[in-house]
């Protein structure tokens, strides 16, 4: 196990190190304070249609936040106990005990939706009136949120998506995104020849908390000010959890003109070799 954990640490360190090797900076028109530094508390920009503009490069922020406190969902980094069904709790403990052996991140597979929200790599939001794209540097993840008035399709109707099928609408200045039809295959099950369909038991977070094909996500995005994006993330998956639960994520703008860098996970990928599972 120590050897496995050490191998996993090497991979994670390699992934995190990409953050410091960005593309050349392209200066942005950022609001400045009296000291000449970016004023992240300034009002956020608005799009041509008057709605808040979420466009930009964002990073997970775990520092103090004005939204912390009574009446708000817990921050994701403070989350401890989830309302897991017994079988799901057992599976989560097994995955955690393996030290990330079958985490999709280390295997160059698309990550779970909460994993993408909390990874230390940046994400980029591209906003148009009919679609919003979220591009994750980590494993080159890509989500499309349809803003053209279409409804969320019934579970099982479209082919399952690794990142789910997402539709969004505005409630005032809050962007509400609903997602379902997640593929979410468990890499260990695939290795053992299961499941027989696209559906499986995915990884919601890096602790191995599971989700199933019945999961519906509701995300509420709110640009608090120029520098901060507040996201309430609600999981409703009755097969894996005894009740829905909500956590809160804060993203902070990257104001220095950085861009995402190319992330080709399989290039020089060593995790399978280091864990003794490389195909011969």
C-alpha atoms as a PDB file:
ATOM      1  CA  UNK A   1       0.000   0.000   0.000  1.00  0.00           C
ATOM      2  CA  UNK A   2       2.844   2.421   0.801  1.00  0.00           C
ATOM      3  CA  UNK A   3       4.294   1.783  -2.648  1.00  0.00           C
ATOM      4  CA  UNK A   4       0.878   2.414  -4.238  1.00  0.00           C
ATOM      5  CA  UNK A   5       0.391   5.655  -2.325  1.00  0.00           C
ATOM      6  CA  UNK A   6       3.852   6.830  -3.290  1.00  0.00           C
ATOM      7  CA  UNK A   7       3.127   6.079  -6.944  1.00  0.00           C
ATOM      8  CA  UNK A   8      -0.155   7.943  -6.785  1.00  0.00           C
ATOM      9  CA  UNK A   9       1.598  10.916  -5.173  1.00  0.00           C
ATOM     10  CA  UNK A  10       4.052  11.041  -8.078  1.00  0.00           C
ATOM     11  CA  UNK A  11       1.180  11.199 -10.568  1.00  0.00           C
ATOM     12  CA  UNK A  12      -0.743  13.844  -8.633  1.00  0.00           C
ATOM     13  CA  UNK A  13       2.393  15.947  -8.212  1.00  0.00           C
ATOM     14  CA  UNK A  14       2.970  15.751 -11.945  1.00  0.00           C
ATOM     15  CA  UNK A  15      -0.558  16.906 -12.667  1.00  0.00           C
ATOM     16  CA  UNK A  16      -0.537  19.788 -10.188  1.00  0.00           C
ATOM     17  CA  UNK A  17       2.791  21.057 -11.467  1.00  0.00           C
ATOM     18  CA  UNK A  18       1.155  21.998 -14.781  1.00  0.00           C
ATOM     19  CA  UNK A  19      -0.513  24.986 -13.105  1.00  0.00           C
ATOM     20  CA  UNK A  20       2.778  26.866 -12.903  1.00  0.00           C
ATOM     21  CA  UNK A  21       3.529  26.404 -16.611  1.00  0.00           C
ATOM     22  CA  UNK A  22       0.861  28.562 -18.228  1.00  0.00           C
ATOM     23  CA  UNK A  23       0.720  30.156 -21.676  1.00  0.00           C
ATOM     24  CA  UNK A  24       2.156  33.684 -22.041  1.00  0.00           C
ATOM     25  CA  UNK A  25       0.058  36.227 -20.175  1.00  0.00           C
ATOM     26  CA  UNK A  26      -2.390  38.435 -22.067  1.00  0.00           C
ATOM     27  CA  UNK A  27      -3.281  41.479 -19.927  1.00  0.00           C
ATOM     28  CA  UNK A  28      -6.975  41.969 -19.168  1.00  0.00           C
ATOM     29  CA  UNK A  29      -9.038  45.034 -18.357  1.00  0.00           C
ATOM     30  CA  UNK A  30      -9.314  44.271 -14.643  1.00  0.00           C
ATOM     31  CA  UNK A  31     -10.779  46.763 -12.136  1.00  0.00           C
ATOM     32  CA  UNK A  32      -7.992  48.153  -9.949  1.00  0.00           C
ATOM     33  CA  UNK A  33      -7.989  49.487  -6.408  1.00  0.00           C
ATOM     34  CA  UNK A  34      -6.241  52.603  -5.121  1.00  0.00           C
ATOM     35  CA  UNK A  35      -3.077  50.517  -4.658  1.00  0.00           C
ATOM     36  CA  UNK A  36      -3.077  49.548  -8.339  1.00  0.00           C
ATOM     37  CA  UNK A  37      -3.795  45.894  -7.595  1.00  0.00           C
ATOM     38  CA  UNK A  38      -6.799  43.967  -8.998  1.00  0.00           C
ATOM     39  CA  UNK A  39      -9.939  44.828  -7.042  1.00  0.00           C
ATOM     40  CA  UNK A  40     -11.701  41.477  -6.759  1.00  0.00           C
ATOM     41  CA  UNK A  41     -14.516  43.058  -4.725  1.00  0.00           C
ATOM     42  CA  UNK A  42     -15.571  45.329  -7.591  1.00  0.00           C
ATOM     43  CA  UNK A  43     -18.944  44.629  -9.244  1.00  0.00           C
ATOM     44  CA  UNK A  44     -18.921  41.759 -11.711  1.00  0.00           C
ATOM     45  CA  UNK A  45     -19.368  42.407 -15.442  1.00  0.00           C
ATOM     46  CA  UNK A  46     -22.588  41.798 -17.343  1.00  0.00           C
ATOM     47  CA  UNK A  47     -23.171  40.329 -20.778  1.00  0.00           C
ATOM     48  CA  UNK A  48     -24.908  42.135 -23.624  1.00  0.00           C
ATOM     49  CA  UNK A  49     -28.263  40.687 -22.521  1.00  0.00           C
ATOM     50  CA  UNK A  50     -27.832  42.179 -19.032  1.00  0.00           C
ATOM     51  CA  UNK A  51     -27.180  38.859 -17.313  1.00  0.00           C
ATOM     52  CA  UNK A  52     -24.061  38.329 -15.163  1.00  0.00           C
ATOM     53  CA  UNK A  53     -21.080  37.374 -17.290  1.00  0.00           C
ATOM     54  CA  UNK A  54     -19.241  34.330 -15.912  1.00  0.00           C
ATOM     55  CA  UNK A  55     -16.618  34.331 -18.678  1.00  0.00           C
ATOM     56  CA  UNK A  56     -13.020  33.972 -17.572  1.00  0.00           C
ATOM     57  CA  UNK A  57     -10.419  31.702 -16.008  1.00  0.00           C
ATOM     58  CA  UNK A  58     -11.298  30.484 -12.513  1.00  0.00           C
ATOM     59  CA  UNK A  59      -9.555  28.514  -9.741  1.00  0.00           C
ATOM     60  CA  UNK A  60     -10.915  26.794  -6.636  1.00  0.00           C
ATOM     61  CA  UNK A  61     -10.703  29.092  -3.612  1.00  0.00           C
ATOM     62  CA  UNK A  62     -10.644  27.627  -0.097  1.00  0.00           C
ATOM     63  CA  UNK A  63      -9.856  30.781   1.862  1.00  0.00           C
ATOM     64  CA  UNK A  64     -12.245  32.800   4.072  1.00  0.00           C
ATOM     65  CA  UNK A  65     -15.455  33.800   2.365  1.00  0.00           C
ATOM     66  CA  UNK A  66     -18.321  36.102   3.334  1.00  0.00           C
ATOM     67  CA  UNK A  67     -20.816  33.394   2.412  1.00  0.00           C
ATOM     68  CA  UNK A  68     -19.608  31.043   5.155  1.00  0.00           C
ATOM     69  CA  UNK A  69     -21.884  30.722   8.146  1.00  0.00           C
ATOM     70  CA  UNK A  70     -25.371  29.802   9.301  1.00  0.00           C
ATOM     71  CA  UNK A  71     -27.981  29.293   6.634  1.00  0.00           C
ATOM     72  CA  UNK A  72     -25.529  28.427   3.857  1.00  0.00           C
ATOM     73  CA  UNK A  73     -24.499  24.937   2.709  1.00  0.00           C
ATOM     74  CA  UNK A  74     -21.108  23.792   4.020  1.00  0.00           C
ATOM     75  CA  UNK A  75     -18.033  24.538   1.945  1.00  0.00           C
ATOM     76  CA  UNK A  76     -16.882  21.446   0.096  1.00  0.00           C
ATOM     77  CA  UNK A  77     -13.539  21.369   1.951  1.00  0.00           C
ATOM     78  CA  UNK A  78     -15.437  21.211   5.280  1.00  0.00           C
ATOM     79  CA  UNK A  79     -17.681  18.338   4.209  1.00  0.00           C
ATOM     80  CA  UNK A  80     -17.240  15.196   6.274  1.00  0.00           C
ATOM     81  CA  UNK A  81     -20.207  12.808   6.381  1.00  0.00           C
ATOM     82  CA  UNK A  82     -22.463  12.214   3.380  1.00  0.00           C
ATOM     83  CA  UNK A  83     -25.903  10.527   3.684  1.00  0.00           C
ATOM     84  CA  UNK A  84     -24.704   7.378   1.948  1.00  0.00           C
ATOM     85  CA  UNK A  85     -26.779   4.260   1.468  1.00  0.00           C
ATOM     86  CA  UNK A  86     -25.104   1.288   3.260  1.00  0.00           C
ATOM     87  CA  UNK A  87     -23.736  -0.267   0.060  1.00  0.00           C
ATOM     88  CA  UNK A  88     -22.432   3.118  -1.106  1.00  0.00           C
ATOM     89  CA  UNK A  89     -20.752   3.765   2.246  1.00  0.00           C
ATOM     90  CA  UNK A  90     -18.976   0.413   2.020  1.00  0.00           C
ATOM     91  CA  UNK A  91     -17.834   1.145  -1.535  1.00  0.00           C
ATOM     92  CA  UNK A  92     -16.570   4.597  -0.542  1.00  0.00           C
ATOM     93  CA  UNK A  93     -14.518   3.112   2.324  1.00  0.00           C
ATOM     94  CA  UNK A  94     -13.048   0.495  -0.031  1.00  0.00           C
ATOM     95  CA  UNK A  95     -12.055   3.115  -2.590  1.00  0.00           C
ATOM     96  CA  UNK A  96     -10.534   5.392   0.047  1.00  0.00           C
ATOM     97  CA  UNK A  97      -8.535   2.498   1.514  1.00  0.00           C
ATOM     98  CA  UNK A  98      -7.023   1.823  -1.916  1.00  0.00           C
ATOM     99  CA  UNK A  99      -5.394   5.254  -1.905  1.00  0.00           C
ATOM    100  CA  UNK A 100      -6.805   6.388  -5.252  1.00  0.00           C
ATOM    101  CA  UNK A 101      -5.933   3.194  -7.164  1.00  0.00           C
ATOM    102  CA  UNK A 102      -9.069   3.440  -9.330  1.00  0.00           C
ATOM    103  CA  UNK A 103      -9.663   7.174  -9.248  1.00  0.00           C
ATOM    104  CA  UNK A 104     -10.608   8.094 -12.856  1.00  0.00           C
ATOM    105  CA  UNK A 105      -8.272  11.100 -12.609  1.00  0.00           C
ATOM    106  CA  UNK A 106      -5.167   8.933 -12.330  1.00  0.00           C
ATOM    107  CA  UNK A 107      -6.392   6.651 -15.134  1.00  0.00           C
ATOM    108  CA  UNK A 108      -6.889   9.515 -17.604  1.00  0.00           C
ATOM    109  CA  UNK A 109     -10.655   9.063 -17.634  1.00  0.00           C
ATOM    110  CA  UNK A 110     -13.174  11.903 -17.280  1.00  0.00           C
ATOM    111  CA  UNK A 111     -13.601  12.813 -13.637  1.00  0.00           C
ATOM    112  CA  UNK A 112     -16.742  13.044 -11.557  1.00  0.00           C
ATOM    113  CA  UNK A 113     -18.580  16.379 -11.520  1.00  0.00           C
ATOM    114  CA  UNK A 114     -17.472  17.400  -8.027  1.00  0.00           C
ATOM    115  CA  UNK A 115     -13.891  16.354  -8.770  1.00  0.00           C
ATOM    116  CA  UNK A 116     -13.733  18.883 -11.595  1.00  0.00           C
ATOM    117  CA  UNK A 117     -15.083  21.621  -9.328  1.00  0.00           C
ATOM    118  CA  UNK A 118     -12.399  21.156  -6.653  1.00  0.00           C
ATOM    119  CA  UNK A 119      -9.284  20.226  -8.630  1.00  0.00           C
ATOM    120  CA  UNK A 120      -6.306  22.604  -8.337  1.00  0.00           C
ATOM    121  CA  UNK A 121      -6.206  23.115 -12.103  1.00  0.00           C
ATOM    122  CA  UNK A 122      -8.069  26.116 -13.551  1.00  0.00           C
ATOM    123  CA  UNK A 123     -11.277  26.061 -15.571  1.00  0.00           C
ATOM    124  CA  UNK A 124     -12.496  28.396 -18.287  1.00  0.00           C
ATOM    125  CA  UNK A 125     -16.093  29.548 -18.793  1.00  0.00           C
ATOM    126  CA  UNK A 126     -17.210  30.657 -22.252  1.00  0.00           C
ATOM    127  CA  UNK A 127     -20.663  32.260 -22.161  1.00  0.00           C
ATOM    128  CA  UNK A 128     -23.016  32.808 -25.091  1.00  0.00           C
ATOM    129  CA  UNK A 129     -26.779  33.440 -25.073  1.00  0.00           C
ATOM    130  CA  UNK A 130     -27.587  29.861 -26.170  1.00  0.00           C
ATOM    131  CA  UNK A 131     -24.743  27.793 -24.669  1.00  0.00           C
ATOM    132  CA  UNK A 132     -22.288  28.028 -21.816  1.00  0.00           C
ATOM    133  CA  UNK A 133     -19.116  25.964 -22.081  1.00  0.00           C
ATOM    134  CA  UNK A 134     -16.998  24.987 -19.080  1.00  0.00           C
ATOM    135  CA  UNK A 135     -13.535  23.829 -20.117  1.00  0.00           C
ATOM    136  CA  UNK A 136     -11.472  22.144 -17.418  1.00  0.00           C
ATOM    137  CA  UNK A 137      -7.708  22.065 -17.742  1.00  0.00           C
ATOM    138  CA  UNK A 138      -7.698  18.857 -15.718  1.00  0.00           C
ATOM    139  CA  UNK A 139      -8.004  15.902 -18.113  1.00  0.00           C
ATOM    140  CA  UNK A 140      -9.286  18.365 -20.734  1.00  0.00           C
ATOM    141  CA  UNK A 141     -12.855  18.063 -19.526  1.00  0.00           C
ATOM    142  CA  UNK A 142     -15.597  19.840 -21.465  1.00  0.00           C
ATOM    143  CA  UNK A 143     -19.185  20.536 -20.413  1.00  0.00           C
ATOM    144  CA  UNK A 144     -21.912  22.052 -22.569  1.00  0.00           C
ATOM    145  CA  UNK A 145     -24.802  23.776 -20.799  1.00  0.00           C
ATOM    146  CA  UNK A 146     -27.710  24.405 -23.158  1.00  0.00           C
ATOM    147  CA  UNK A 147     -29.375  27.787 -22.609  1.00  0.00           C
ATOM    148  CA  UNK A 148     -31.840  27.671 -25.535  1.00  0.00           C
ATOM    149  CA  UNK A 149     -34.926  26.721 -23.543  1.00  0.00           C
ATOM    150  CA  UNK A 150     -34.774  22.961 -24.007  1.00  0.00           C
ATOM    151  CA  UNK A 151     -35.888  20.771 -21.113  1.00  0.00           C
ATOM    152  CA  UNK A 152     -33.831  18.231 -19.230  1.00  0.00           C
ATOM    153  CA  UNK A 153     -34.483  14.869 -20.948  1.00  0.00           C
ATOM    154  CA  UNK A 154     -35.783  11.935 -18.884  1.00  0.00           C
ATOM    155  CA  UNK A 155     -33.169   9.734 -17.290  1.00  0.00           C
ATOM    156  CA  UNK A 156     -32.068   7.010 -19.708  1.00  0.00           C
ATOM    157  CA  UNK A 157     -33.442   8.704 -22.826  1.00  0.00           C
ATOM    158  CA  UNK A 158     -30.230  10.089 -24.399  1.00  0.00           C
ATOM    159  CA  UNK A 159     -26.976   8.177 -24.536  1.00  0.00           C
ATOM    160  CA  UNK A 160     -25.305   8.751 -21.153  1.00  0.00           C
ATOM    161  CA  UNK A 161     -22.629  11.459 -21.115  1.00  0.00           C
ATOM    162  CA  UNK A 162     -19.427  11.333 -19.077  1.00  0.00           C
ATOM    163  CA  UNK A 163     -20.207  14.899 -17.986  1.00  0.00           C
ATOM    164  CA  UNK A 164     -23.984  14.524 -17.961  1.00  0.00           C
ATOM    165  CA  UNK A 165     -26.589  16.282 -20.061  1.00  0.00           C
ATOM    166  CA  UNK A 166     -26.982  19.853 -18.811  1.00  0.00           C
ATOM    167  CA  UNK A 167     -29.583  22.571 -19.348  1.00  0.00           C
ATOM    168  CA  UNK A 168     -29.575  25.993 -17.722  1.00  0.00           C
ATOM    169  CA  UNK A 169     -31.895  28.878 -17.025  1.00  0.00           C
ATOM    170  CA  UNK A 170     -31.755  32.179 -15.169  1.00  0.00           C
ATOM    171  CA  UNK A 171     -33.459  32.935 -11.892  1.00  0.00           C
ATOM    172  CA  UNK A 172     -32.694  36.624 -11.562  1.00  0.00           C
ATOM    173  CA  UNK A 173     -28.893  36.873 -11.494  1.00  0.00           C
ATOM    174  CA  UNK A 174     -28.452  33.188 -10.576  1.00  0.00           C
ATOM    175  CA  UNK A 175     -27.640  30.624 -13.260  1.00  0.00           C
ATOM    176  CA  UNK A 176     -29.409  27.342 -12.432  1.00  0.00           C
ATOM    177  CA  UNK A 177     -27.953  24.274 -14.174  1.00  0.00           C
ATOM    178  CA  UNK A 178     -29.694  20.893 -14.063  1.00  0.00           C
ATOM    179  CA  UNK A 179     -27.850  17.765 -15.208  1.00  0.00           C
ATOM    180  CA  UNK A 180     -28.643  14.061 -15.501  1.00  0.00           C
ATOM    181  CA  UNK A 181     -27.850  11.044 -17.697  1.00  0.00           C
ATOM    182  CA  UNK A 182     -24.328  10.619 -16.339  1.00  0.00           C
ATOM    183  CA  UNK A 183     -22.253   7.736 -17.612  1.00  0.00           C
ATOM    184  CA  UNK A 184     -19.987   7.418 -14.592  1.00  0.00           C
ATOM    185  CA  UNK A 185     -18.329   4.039 -15.092  1.00  0.00           C
ATOM    186  CA  UNK A 186     -16.266   2.665 -12.210  1.00  0.00           C
ATOM    187  CA  UNK A 187     -12.789   1.877 -13.664  1.00  0.00           C
ATOM    188  CA  UNK A 188     -12.338  -1.130 -11.342  1.00  0.00           C
ATOM    189  CA  UNK A 189     -15.630  -2.599 -12.518  1.00  0.00           C
ATOM    190  CA  UNK A 190     -14.627  -2.095 -16.132  1.00  0.00           C
ATOM    191  CA  UNK A 191     -11.310  -3.841 -15.522  1.00  0.00           C
ATOM    192  CA  UNK A 192     -13.195  -6.823 -14.126  1.00  0.00           C
ATOM    193  CA  UNK A 193     -15.592  -6.948 -17.052  1.00  0.00           C
ATOM    194  CA  UNK A 194     -18.449  -5.032 -15.466  1.00  0.00           C
ATOM    195  CA  UNK A 195     -20.758  -3.225 -15.903  1.00  0.00           C
ATOM    196  CA  UNK A 196     -22.226  -4.611 -19.098  1.00  0.00           C
ATOM    197  CA  UNK A 197     -23.768  -1.266 -20.107  1.00  0.00           C
ATOM    198  CA  UNK A 198     -22.626   2.364 -20.174  1.00  0.00           C
ATOM    199  CA  UNK A 199     -24.065   2.821 -16.705  1.00  0.00           C
ATOM    200  CA  UNK A 200     -22.012   2.177 -13.593  1.00  0.00           C
ATOM    201  CA  UNK A 201     -21.004   3.562 -10.257  1.00  0.00           C
ATOM    202  CA  UNK A 202     -18.983   6.706 -10.809  1.00  0.00           C
ATOM    203  CA  UNK A 203     -16.662   8.738  -8.582  1.00  0.00           C
ATOM    204  CA  UNK A 204     -18.317  11.894  -7.314  1.00  0.00           C
ATOM    205  CA  UNK A 205     -15.180  13.103  -5.492  1.00  0.00           C
ATOM    206  CA  UNK A 206     -11.599  12.007  -4.885  1.00  0.00           C
ATOM    207  CA  UNK A 207     -12.638  10.123  -1.749  1.00  0.00           C
ATOM    208  CA  UNK A 208     -14.561   7.706  -3.949  1.00  0.00           C
ATOM    209  CA  UNK A 209     -18.073   8.753  -2.958  1.00  0.00           C
ATOM    210  CA  UNK A 210     -20.204   7.019  -5.591  1.00  0.00           C
ATOM    211  CA  UNK A 211     -22.942   8.168  -7.889  1.00  0.00           C
ATOM    212  CA  UNK A 212     -25.238   6.113 -10.124  1.00  0.00           C
ATOM    213  CA  UNK A 213     -27.134   6.617 -13.361  1.00  0.00           C
ATOM    214  CA  UNK A 214     -30.078   7.939 -11.330  1.00  0.00           C
ATOM    215  CA  UNK A 215     -28.172  11.033 -10.188  1.00  0.00           C
ATOM    216  CA  UNK A 216     -29.554  14.478 -10.896  1.00  0.00           C
ATOM    217  CA  UNK A 217     -27.372  17.508 -10.196  1.00  0.00           C
ATOM    218  CA  UNK A 218     -28.537  21.043  -9.624  1.00  0.00           C
ATOM    219  CA  UNK A 219     -25.872  23.747  -9.615  1.00  0.00           C
ATOM    220  CA  UNK A 220     -26.616  27.365  -8.762  1.00  0.00           C
ATOM    221  CA  UNK A 221     -23.919  29.756 -10.049  1.00  0.00           C
ATOM    222  CA  UNK A 222     -23.780  33.295  -8.694  1.00  0.00           C
ATOM    223  CA  UNK A 223     -21.083  35.870  -9.456  1.00  0.00           C
ATOM    224  CA  UNK A 224     -20.781  37.581  -6.098  1.00  0.00           C
ATOM    225  CA  UNK A 225     -18.420  40.273  -7.380  1.00  0.00           C
ATOM    226  CA  UNK A 226     -15.706  40.640  -9.973  1.00  0.00           C
ATOM    227  CA  UNK A 227     -13.437  38.087  -8.345  1.00  0.00           C
ATOM    228  CA  UNK A 228     -15.630  35.365  -6.881  1.00  0.00           C
ATOM    229  CA  UNK A 229     -18.061  32.784  -8.164  1.00  0.00           C
ATOM    230  CA  UNK A 230     -20.334  31.061  -5.625  1.00  0.00           C
ATOM    231  CA  UNK A 231     -21.661  27.614  -6.628  1.00  0.00           C
ATOM    232  CA  UNK A 232     -24.209  25.570  -4.692  1.00  0.00           C
ATOM    233  CA  UNK A 233     -23.922  21.937  -5.784  1.00  0.00           C
ATOM    234  CA  UNK A 234     -26.897  19.674  -4.978  1.00  0.00           C
ATOM    235  CA  UNK A 235     -26.778  15.898  -5.470  1.00  0.00           C
ATOM    236  CA  UNK A 236     -30.038  13.957  -5.711  1.00  0.00           C
ATOM    237  CA  UNK A 237     -29.241  10.273  -6.221  1.00  0.00           C
ATOM    238  CA  UNK A 238     -31.695   8.024  -4.329  1.00  0.00           C
ATOM    239  CA  UNK A 239     -29.838   4.853  -5.312  1.00  0.00           C
ATOM    240  CA  UNK A 240     -26.631   5.953  -3.568  1.00  0.00           C
ATOM    241  CA  UNK A 241     -27.829   8.447  -0.916  1.00  0.00           C
ATOM    242  CA  UNK A 242     -30.599   8.474   1.655  1.00  0.00           C
ATOM    243  CA  UNK A 243     -31.469  12.102   0.851  1.00  0.00           C
ATOM    244  CA  UNK A 244     -30.273  14.950  -1.358  1.00  0.00           C
ATOM    245  CA  UNK A 245     -27.389  17.054  -0.060  1.00  0.00           C
ATOM    246  CA  UNK A 246     -25.801  20.365  -1.000  1.00  0.00           C
ATOM    247  CA  UNK A 247     -22.253  21.671  -0.749  1.00  0.00           C
ATOM    248  CA  UNK A 248     -20.829  25.055  -1.691  1.00  0.00           C
ATOM    249  CA  UNK A 249     -17.806  25.781  -3.861  1.00  0.00           C
ATOM    250  CA  UNK A 250     -16.100  29.152  -4.308  1.00  0.00           C
ATOM    251  CA  UNK A 251     -14.100  29.856  -7.447  1.00  0.00           C
ATOM    252  CA  UNK A 252     -11.776  32.867  -7.709  1.00  0.00           C
ATOM    253  CA  UNK A 253     -10.989  34.671 -10.939  1.00  0.00           C
ATOM    254  CA  UNK A 254      -7.450  34.456 -12.345  1.00  0.00           C
ATOM    255  CA  UNK A 255      -6.904  38.138 -13.213  1.00  0.00           C
ATOM    256  CA  UNK A 256      -3.361  38.128 -14.587  1.00  0.00           C
ATOM    257  CA  UNK A 257      -4.215  37.156 -18.182  1.00  0.00           C
ATOM    258  CA  UNK A 258      -3.358  33.456 -17.816  1.00  0.00           C
ATOM    259  CA  UNK A 259      -4.913  30.901 -20.161  1.00  0.00           C
ATOM    260  CA  UNK A 260      -5.452  27.173 -19.866  1.00  0.00           C
ATOM    261  CA  UNK A 261      -2.632  24.957 -21.067  1.00  0.00           C
ATOM    262  CA  UNK A 262      -3.052  21.810 -23.110  1.00  0.00           C
ATOM    263  CA  UNK A 263      -3.590  18.759 -20.910  1.00  0.00           C
ATOM    264  CA  UNK A 264      -3.104  15.446 -22.729  1.00  0.00           C
ATOM    265  CA  UNK A 265      -3.368  13.000 -19.874  1.00  0.00           C
ATOM    266  CA  UNK A 266      -2.127   9.930 -21.749  1.00  0.00           C
ATOM    267  CA  UNK A 267       1.081  11.669 -22.844  1.00  0.00           C
ATOM    268  CA  UNK A 268       3.855  10.207 -20.665  1.00  0.00           C
ATOM    269  CA  UNK A 269       1.190   8.606 -18.467  1.00  0.00           C
ATOM    270  CA  UNK A 270       2.963   6.482 -15.840  1.00  0.00           C
ATOM    271  CA  UNK A 271       0.204   5.620 -13.361  1.00  0.00           C
ATOM    272  CA  UNK A 272      -0.682   2.229 -14.858  1.00  0.00           C
ATOM    273  CA  UNK A 273       2.994   1.254 -15.011  1.00  0.00           C
ATOM    274  CA  UNK A 274       3.709   2.459 -11.490  1.00  0.00           C
ATOM    275  CA  UNK A 275       0.760   0.490 -10.132  1.00  0.00           C
ATOM    276  CA  UNK A 276       1.613  -2.694 -12.049  1.00  0.00           C
ATOM    277  CA  UNK A 277      -1.365  -2.609 -14.391  1.00  0.00           C
ATOM    278  CA  UNK A 278       0.243  -1.615 -17.695  1.00  0.00           C
ATOM    279  CA  UNK A 279      -0.950  -3.758 -20.581  1.00  0.00           C
ATOM    280  CA  UNK A 280       1.736  -5.900 -22.105  1.00  0.00           C
END
